[in-house]
Amino acid sequence: MSPCETAGGNFSEQLPGDHEVHLLLMIPHDWDEAKNRALLRRSFEALPSGGAVIISELLVNDEKTGPAPAALMSLNMLIETEGRNYTPAEYSAWLEEAGFRHIETVWFAPAANGAAIGRKP
């Protein structure tokens, strides 16, 4: 097992290519769909085969009716940024569009916290 390392930088320009995982922790909710799609394309291009991207956020359900913490944070993001909270279906579509496969959503406790994960073939 290799050690866990982090890399500094500006993710809007370039992501590290010598890492197996990119963790986007509470990042996409700040940005609009076009910037998030571009970020996922950069992640796919930088990751080695077998690498993964993990998007950890408050997830709005696919019906966009809740859960309340994600919906309220989404409203806050709409007011303060160009982003909002997104659904697992939106993240899955963007990940697939970028080239990722074996896409899954994992829910954490409390119910609004979760992660969308995509793997590079």
N, C-alpha and C. Protein backbone atom coordinates (compact mmCIF):
# COMPACT_ATOMS: atom_id res chain seq x y z
N MET A 1 0.84 -1.16 0.00
CA MET A 1 0.00 0.00 0.00
C MET A 1 0.89 1.24 0.00
N SER A 2 0.60 2.16 -0.87
CA SER A 2 1.40 3.38 -0.95
C SER A 2 0.87 4.43 0.02
N PRO A 3 1.72 5.35 0.44
CA PRO A 3 1.28 6.39 1.37
C PRO A 3 0.33 7.37 0.69
N CYS A 4 -0.43 8.06 1.50
CA CYS A 4 -1.33 9.09 1.00
C CYS A 4 -0.57 10.40 0.91
N GLU A 5 -0.60 11.01 -0.26
CA GLU A 5 0.08 12.28 -0.47
C GLU A 5 -0.91 13.28 -1.04
N THR A 6 -0.68 14.54 -0.74
CA THR A 6 -1.51 15.60 -1.31
C THR A 6 -0.65 16.46 -2.22
N ALA A 7 -1.32 17.21 -3.07
CA ALA A 7 -0.59 18.09 -3.99
C ALA A 7 -1.27 19.45 -3.99
N GLY A 8 -0.49 20.50 -3.90
CA GLY A 8 -1.02 21.85 -4.00
C GLY A 8 -1.16 22.26 -5.45
N GLY A 9 -1.86 23.34 -5.66
CA GLY A 9 -2.00 23.83 -7.03
C GLY A 9 -3.32 24.52 -7.24
N ASN A 10 -3.61 24.81 -8.48
CA ASN A 10 -4.84 25.47 -8.87
C ASN A 10 -5.64 24.51 -9.73
N PHE A 11 -6.70 23.93 -9.16
CA PHE A 11 -7.45 22.90 -9.88
C PHE A 11 -8.18 23.46 -11.10
N SER A 12 -8.32 24.76 -11.18
CA SER A 12 -8.97 25.33 -12.37
C SER A 12 -8.03 25.36 -13.56
N GLU A 13 -6.75 25.11 -13.32
CA GLU A 13 -5.77 25.09 -14.40
C GLU A 13 -5.28 23.68 -14.71
N GLN A 14 -4.86 22.95 -13.67
CA GLN A 14 -4.27 21.63 -13.89
C GLN A 14 -4.40 20.80 -12.62
N LEU A 15 -4.65 19.52 -12.81
CA LEU A 15 -4.71 18.57 -11.70
C LEU A 15 -3.49 17.66 -11.77
N PRO A 16 -3.03 17.17 -10.61
CA PRO A 16 -1.83 16.33 -10.62
C PRO A 16 -2.04 15.04 -11.40
N GLY A 17 -1.04 14.69 -12.19
CA GLY A 17 -1.11 13.48 -12.99
C GLY A 17 -0.43 12.29 -12.36
N ASP A 18 0.23 12.50 -11.23
CA ASP A 18 0.97 11.42 -10.60
C ASP A 18 0.26 10.91 -9.34
N HIS A 19 -1.05 11.11 -9.27
CA HIS A 19 -1.85 10.64 -8.15
C HIS A 19 -2.93 9.70 -8.66
N GLU A 20 -3.36 8.79 -7.80
CA GLU A 20 -4.35 7.79 -8.20
C GLU A 20 -5.78 8.25 -7.96
N VAL A 21 -5.96 9.27 -7.12
CA VAL A 21 -7.29 9.74 -6.77
C VAL A 21 -7.31 11.26 -6.72
N HIS A 22 -8.37 11.84 -7.27
CA HIS A 22 -8.64 13.26 -7.10
C HIS A 22 -9.87 13.38 -6.20
N LEU A 23 -9.74 14.06 -5.08
CA LEU A 23 -10.86 14.28 -4.15
C LEU A 23 -11.34 15.71 -4.32
N LEU A 24 -12.57 15.86 -4.78
CA LEU A 24 -13.20 17.17 -4.92
C LEU A 24 -14.17 17.32 -3.76
N LEU A 25 -13.68 17.82 -2.65
CA LEU A 25 -14.43 17.91 -1.40
C LEU A 25 -15.05 19.29 -1.28
N MET A 26 -16.37 19.34 -1.43
CA MET A 26 -17.13 20.60 -1.33
C MET A 26 -16.60 21.63 -2.33
N ILE A 27 -16.30 21.19 -3.54
CA ILE A 27 -15.80 22.06 -4.60
C ILE A 27 -16.86 22.36 -5.66
N PRO A 28 -17.51 21.35 -6.26
CA PRO A 28 -18.41 21.63 -7.38
C PRO A 28 -19.58 22.55 -7.06
N HIS A 29 -20.03 22.58 -5.80
CA HIS A 29 -21.19 23.42 -5.50
C HIS A 29 -20.91 24.91 -5.68
N ASP A 30 -19.65 25.28 -5.78
CA ASP A 30 -19.28 26.69 -6.00
C ASP A 30 -19.39 27.12 -7.46
N TRP A 31 -19.48 26.15 -8.37
CA TRP A 31 -19.31 26.44 -9.79
C TRP A 31 -20.53 26.02 -10.61
N ASP A 32 -20.68 26.62 -11.76
CA ASP A 32 -21.78 26.25 -12.66
C ASP A 32 -21.46 24.94 -13.38
N GLU A 33 -22.44 24.44 -14.11
CA GLU A 33 -22.29 23.15 -14.78
C GLU A 33 -21.12 23.11 -15.76
N ALA A 34 -20.94 24.15 -16.54
CA ALA A 34 -19.86 24.16 -17.53
C ALA A 34 -18.49 24.06 -16.87
N LYS A 35 -18.28 24.78 -15.77
CA LYS A 35 -16.99 24.72 -15.08
C LYS A 35 -16.79 23.36 -14.43
N ASN A 36 -17.85 22.77 -13.91
CA ASN A 36 -17.73 21.44 -13.31
C ASN A 36 -17.43 20.38 -14.36
N ARG A 37 -18.07 20.47 -15.49
CA ARG A 37 -17.77 19.51 -16.57
C ARG A 37 -16.32 19.64 -17.02
N ALA A 38 -15.83 20.87 -17.14
CA ALA A 38 -14.43 21.09 -17.53
C ALA A 38 -13.48 20.54 -16.47
N LEU A 39 -13.81 20.71 -15.19
CA LEU A 39 -12.99 20.19 -14.10
C LEU A 39 -12.92 18.66 -14.17
N LEU A 40 -14.04 18.02 -14.43
CA LEU A 40 -14.04 16.56 -14.52
C LEU A 40 -13.28 16.07 -15.74
N ARG A 41 -13.32 16.81 -16.83
CA ARG A 41 -12.50 16.44 -18.01
C ARG A 41 -11.02 16.54 -17.68
N ARG A 42 -10.63 17.61 -16.97
CA ARG A 42 -9.22 17.76 -16.58
C ARG A 42 -8.80 16.62 -15.65
N SER A 43 -9.69 16.25 -14.75
CA SER A 43 -9.38 15.14 -13.85
C SER A 43 -9.18 13.86 -14.64
N PHE A 44 -10.08 13.58 -15.57
CA PHE A 44 -9.96 12.36 -16.38
C PHE A 44 -8.65 12.35 -17.16
N GLU A 45 -8.31 13.46 -17.75
CA GLU A 45 -7.07 13.55 -18.55
C GLU A 45 -5.83 13.34 -17.69
N ALA A 46 -5.86 13.81 -16.44
CA ALA A 46 -4.67 13.75 -15.58
C ALA A 46 -4.51 12.40 -14.88
N LEU A 47 -5.60 11.73 -14.57
CA LEU A 47 -5.53 10.48 -13.82
C LEU A 47 -4.95 9.35 -14.66
N PRO A 48 -4.22 8.43 -14.02
CA PRO A 48 -3.76 7.24 -14.73
C PRO A 48 -4.91 6.26 -14.90
N SER A 49 -4.76 5.31 -15.77
CA SER A 49 -5.75 4.24 -15.91
C SER A 49 -5.93 3.56 -14.56
N GLY A 50 -7.18 3.35 -14.17
CA GLY A 50 -7.48 2.77 -12.87
C GLY A 50 -7.67 3.80 -11.78
N GLY A 51 -7.37 5.06 -12.08
CA GLY A 51 -7.54 6.13 -11.11
C GLY A 51 -9.01 6.47 -10.90
N ALA A 52 -9.29 7.25 -9.86
CA ALA A 52 -10.67 7.60 -9.54
C ALA A 52 -10.78 9.06 -9.15
N VAL A 53 -11.96 9.61 -9.39
CA VAL A 53 -12.31 10.92 -8.87
C VAL A 53 -13.45 10.73 -7.90
N ILE A 54 -13.36 11.39 -6.75
CA ILE A 54 -14.40 11.33 -5.74
C ILE A 54 -14.94 12.74 -5.54
N ILE A 55 -16.24 12.91 -5.76
CA ILE A 55 -16.91 14.19 -5.55
C ILE A 55 -17.69 14.05 -4.25
N SER A 56 -17.24 14.70 -3.19
CA SER A 56 -17.90 14.62 -1.90
C SER A 56 -18.61 15.94 -1.62
N GLU A 57 -19.93 15.87 -1.49
CA GLU A 57 -20.77 17.07 -1.37
C GLU A 57 -22.02 16.76 -0.56
N LEU A 58 -22.80 17.79 -0.29
CA LEU A 58 -24.19 17.62 0.11
C LEU A 58 -24.94 17.36 -1.19
N LEU A 59 -25.58 16.23 -1.31
CA LEU A 59 -26.24 15.84 -2.55
C LEU A 59 -27.75 16.08 -2.45
N VAL A 60 -28.28 16.78 -3.44
CA VAL A 60 -29.72 16.92 -3.58
C VAL A 60 -30.22 15.65 -4.25
N ASN A 61 -31.37 15.12 -3.82
CA ASN A 61 -31.87 13.90 -4.45
C ASN A 61 -32.24 14.18 -5.91
N ASP A 62 -32.37 13.11 -6.69
CA ASP A 62 -32.61 13.26 -8.13
C ASP A 62 -33.93 13.96 -8.45
N GLU A 63 -34.87 13.94 -7.52
CA GLU A 63 -36.14 14.64 -7.73
C GLU A 63 -36.04 16.13 -7.38
N LYS A 64 -34.90 16.52 -6.78
CA LYS A 64 -34.63 17.90 -6.34
C LYS A 64 -35.65 18.38 -5.31
N THR A 65 -36.05 17.45 -4.42
CA THR A 65 -37.00 17.78 -3.36
C THR A 65 -36.35 17.79 -1.98
N GLY A 66 -35.09 17.50 -1.87
CA GLY A 66 -34.40 17.44 -0.58
C GLY A 66 -33.15 16.60 -0.74
N PRO A 67 -32.61 16.13 0.34
CA PRO A 67 -32.94 16.40 1.73
C PRO A 67 -32.73 17.86 2.10
N ALA A 68 -33.37 18.27 3.18
CA ALA A 68 -33.38 19.68 3.57
C ALA A 68 -31.98 20.31 3.67
N PRO A 69 -30.99 19.66 4.31
CA PRO A 69 -29.68 20.31 4.39
C PRO A 69 -29.07 20.62 3.01
N ALA A 70 -29.23 19.70 2.07
CA ALA A 70 -28.68 19.91 0.73
C ALA A 70 -29.47 20.99 -0.01
N ALA A 71 -30.78 20.99 0.14
CA ALA A 71 -31.61 22.00 -0.53
C ALA A 71 -31.33 23.39 0.01
N LEU A 72 -31.17 23.51 1.32
CA LEU A 72 -30.88 24.82 1.92
C LEU A 72 -29.48 25.31 1.53
N MET A 73 -28.50 24.40 1.51
CA MET A 73 -27.16 24.79 1.07
C MET A 73 -27.19 25.18 -0.39
N SER A 74 -27.99 24.51 -1.20
CA SER A 74 -28.11 24.86 -2.61
C SER A 74 -28.64 26.27 -2.77
N LEU A 75 -29.64 26.63 -1.99
CA LEU A 75 -30.17 27.99 -2.03
C LEU A 75 -29.09 28.99 -1.66
N ASN A 76 -28.32 28.69 -0.64
CA ASN A 76 -27.21 29.56 -0.23
C ASN A 76 -26.19 29.71 -1.36
N MET A 77 -25.86 28.62 -2.03
CA MET A 77 -24.87 28.67 -3.11
C MET A 77 -25.41 29.47 -4.30
N LEU A 78 -26.70 29.35 -4.58
CA LEU A 78 -27.31 30.13 -5.66
C LEU A 78 -27.21 31.63 -5.39
N ILE A 79 -27.31 32.00 -4.13
CA ILE A 79 -27.26 33.41 -3.76
C ILE A 79 -25.82 33.94 -3.76
N GLU A 80 -24.88 33.14 -3.25
CA GLU A 80 -23.52 33.62 -3.02
C GLU A 80 -22.51 33.28 -4.12
N THR A 81 -22.80 32.28 -4.95
CA THR A 81 -21.83 31.84 -5.95
C THR A 81 -22.54 31.65 -7.28
N GLU A 82 -21.84 31.11 -8.23
CA GLU A 82 -22.46 30.76 -9.52
C GLU A 82 -22.93 29.32 -9.52
N GLY A 83 -22.78 28.62 -8.40
CA GLY A 83 -23.11 27.20 -8.33
C GLY A 83 -24.37 26.91 -7.55
N ARG A 84 -24.54 25.64 -7.23
CA ARG A 84 -25.63 25.12 -6.42
C ARG A 84 -25.27 23.70 -6.05
N ASN A 85 -26.10 23.04 -5.25
CA ASN A 85 -25.87 21.64 -4.98
C ASN A 85 -26.51 20.82 -6.11
N TYR A 86 -25.82 19.77 -6.51
CA TYR A 86 -26.23 18.98 -7.65
C TYR A 86 -26.70 17.60 -7.21
N THR A 87 -27.33 16.89 -8.13
CA THR A 87 -27.89 15.57 -7.84
C THR A 87 -26.92 14.46 -8.26
N PRO A 88 -27.10 13.26 -7.70
CA PRO A 88 -26.29 12.14 -8.17
C PRO A 88 -26.43 11.90 -9.67
N ALA A 89 -27.62 12.07 -10.21
CA ALA A 89 -27.82 11.87 -11.65
C ALA A 89 -27.02 12.88 -12.46
N GLU A 90 -26.97 14.14 -12.00
CA GLU A 90 -26.18 15.14 -12.72
C GLU A 90 -24.70 14.78 -12.67
N TYR A 91 -24.19 14.45 -11.48
CA TYR A 91 -22.78 14.07 -11.38
C TYR A 91 -22.48 12.83 -12.23
N SER A 92 -23.36 11.85 -12.21
CA SER A 92 -23.14 10.63 -12.99
C SER A 92 -23.05 10.94 -14.48
N ALA A 93 -23.94 11.80 -14.97
CA ALA A 93 -23.92 12.17 -16.39
C ALA A 93 -22.63 12.91 -16.74
N TRP A 94 -22.20 13.82 -15.89
CA TRP A 94 -20.97 14.57 -16.16
C TRP A 94 -19.75 13.64 -16.13
N LEU A 95 -19.72 12.72 -15.16
CA LEU A 95 -18.60 11.79 -15.07
C LEU A 95 -18.53 10.91 -16.31
N GLU A 96 -19.67 10.40 -16.73
CA GLU A 96 -19.70 9.56 -17.93
C GLU A 96 -19.27 10.35 -19.16
N GLU A 97 -19.76 11.57 -19.28
CA GLU A 97 -19.39 12.44 -20.40
C GLU A 97 -17.88 12.68 -20.45
N ALA A 98 -17.25 12.78 -19.27
CA ALA A 98 -15.80 13.01 -19.20
C ALA A 98 -15.00 11.75 -19.53
N GLY A 99 -15.65 10.58 -19.51
CA GLY A 99 -14.95 9.34 -19.83
C GLY A 99 -14.88 8.35 -18.69
N PHE A 100 -15.33 8.74 -17.49
CA PHE A 100 -15.27 7.85 -16.33
C PHE A 100 -16.29 6.72 -16.49
N ARG A 101 -15.98 5.58 -15.87
CA ARG A 101 -16.86 4.42 -15.87
C ARG A 101 -16.99 3.90 -14.45
N HIS A 102 -17.79 2.86 -14.26
CA HIS A 102 -18.01 2.26 -12.94
C HIS A 102 -18.42 3.35 -11.94
N ILE A 103 -19.36 4.18 -12.37
CA ILE A 103 -19.80 5.33 -11.59
C ILE A 103 -20.78 4.86 -10.52
N GLU A 104 -20.59 5.37 -9.31
CA GLU A 104 -21.49 5.01 -8.22
C GLU A 104 -21.69 6.21 -7.29
N THR A 105 -22.79 6.17 -6.56
CA THR A 105 -23.08 7.16 -5.53
C THR A 105 -23.09 6.45 -4.20
N VAL A 106 -22.42 7.04 -3.22
CA VAL A 106 -22.37 6.50 -1.87
C VAL A 106 -22.94 7.57 -0.94
N TRP A 107 -23.91 7.19 -0.12
CA TRP A 107 -24.51 8.12 0.83
C TRP A 107 -23.89 7.92 2.20
N PHE A 108 -23.61 9.04 2.88
CA PHE A 108 -23.06 9.01 4.24
C PHE A 108 -24.14 9.50 5.20
N ALA A 109 -23.86 9.42 6.49
CA ALA A 109 -24.77 10.00 7.49
C ALA A 109 -24.23 11.38 7.84
N PRO A 110 -25.03 12.38 8.03
CA PRO A 110 -26.47 12.39 7.80
C PRO A 110 -26.81 12.25 6.32
N ALA A 111 -28.06 12.05 6.04
CA ALA A 111 -28.52 11.61 4.73
C ALA A 111 -28.12 12.50 3.56
N ALA A 112 -27.84 13.77 3.76
CA ALA A 112 -27.51 14.64 2.63
C ALA A 112 -26.06 14.49 2.17
N ASN A 113 -25.19 14.01 3.04
CA ASN A 113 -23.79 13.87 2.68
C ASN A 113 -23.58 12.62 1.84
N GLY A 114 -22.79 12.79 0.78
CA GLY A 114 -22.52 11.64 -0.06
C GLY A 114 -21.38 11.90 -1.01
N ALA A 115 -21.15 10.94 -1.87
CA ALA A 115 -20.06 11.05 -2.84
C ALA A 115 -20.47 10.38 -4.14
N ALA A 116 -20.10 11.02 -5.23
CA ALA A 116 -20.20 10.42 -6.55
C ALA A 116 -18.78 10.03 -6.94
N ILE A 117 -18.61 8.80 -7.37
CA ILE A 117 -17.28 8.27 -7.66
C ILE A 117 -17.25 7.74 -9.10
N GLY A 118 -16.23 8.11 -9.82
CA GLY A 118 -16.03 7.60 -11.17
C GLY A 118 -14.61 7.08 -11.31
N ARG A 119 -14.44 6.03 -12.10
CA ARG A 119 -13.11 5.44 -12.30
C ARG A 119 -12.71 5.53 -13.76
N LYS A 120 -11.43 5.79 -13.96
CA LYS A 120 -10.90 5.87 -15.32
C LYS A 120 -10.52 4.47 -15.78
N PRO A 121 -11.06 4.05 -16.92
CA PRO A 121 -10.73 2.69 -17.43
C PRO A 121 -9.25 2.55 -17.74
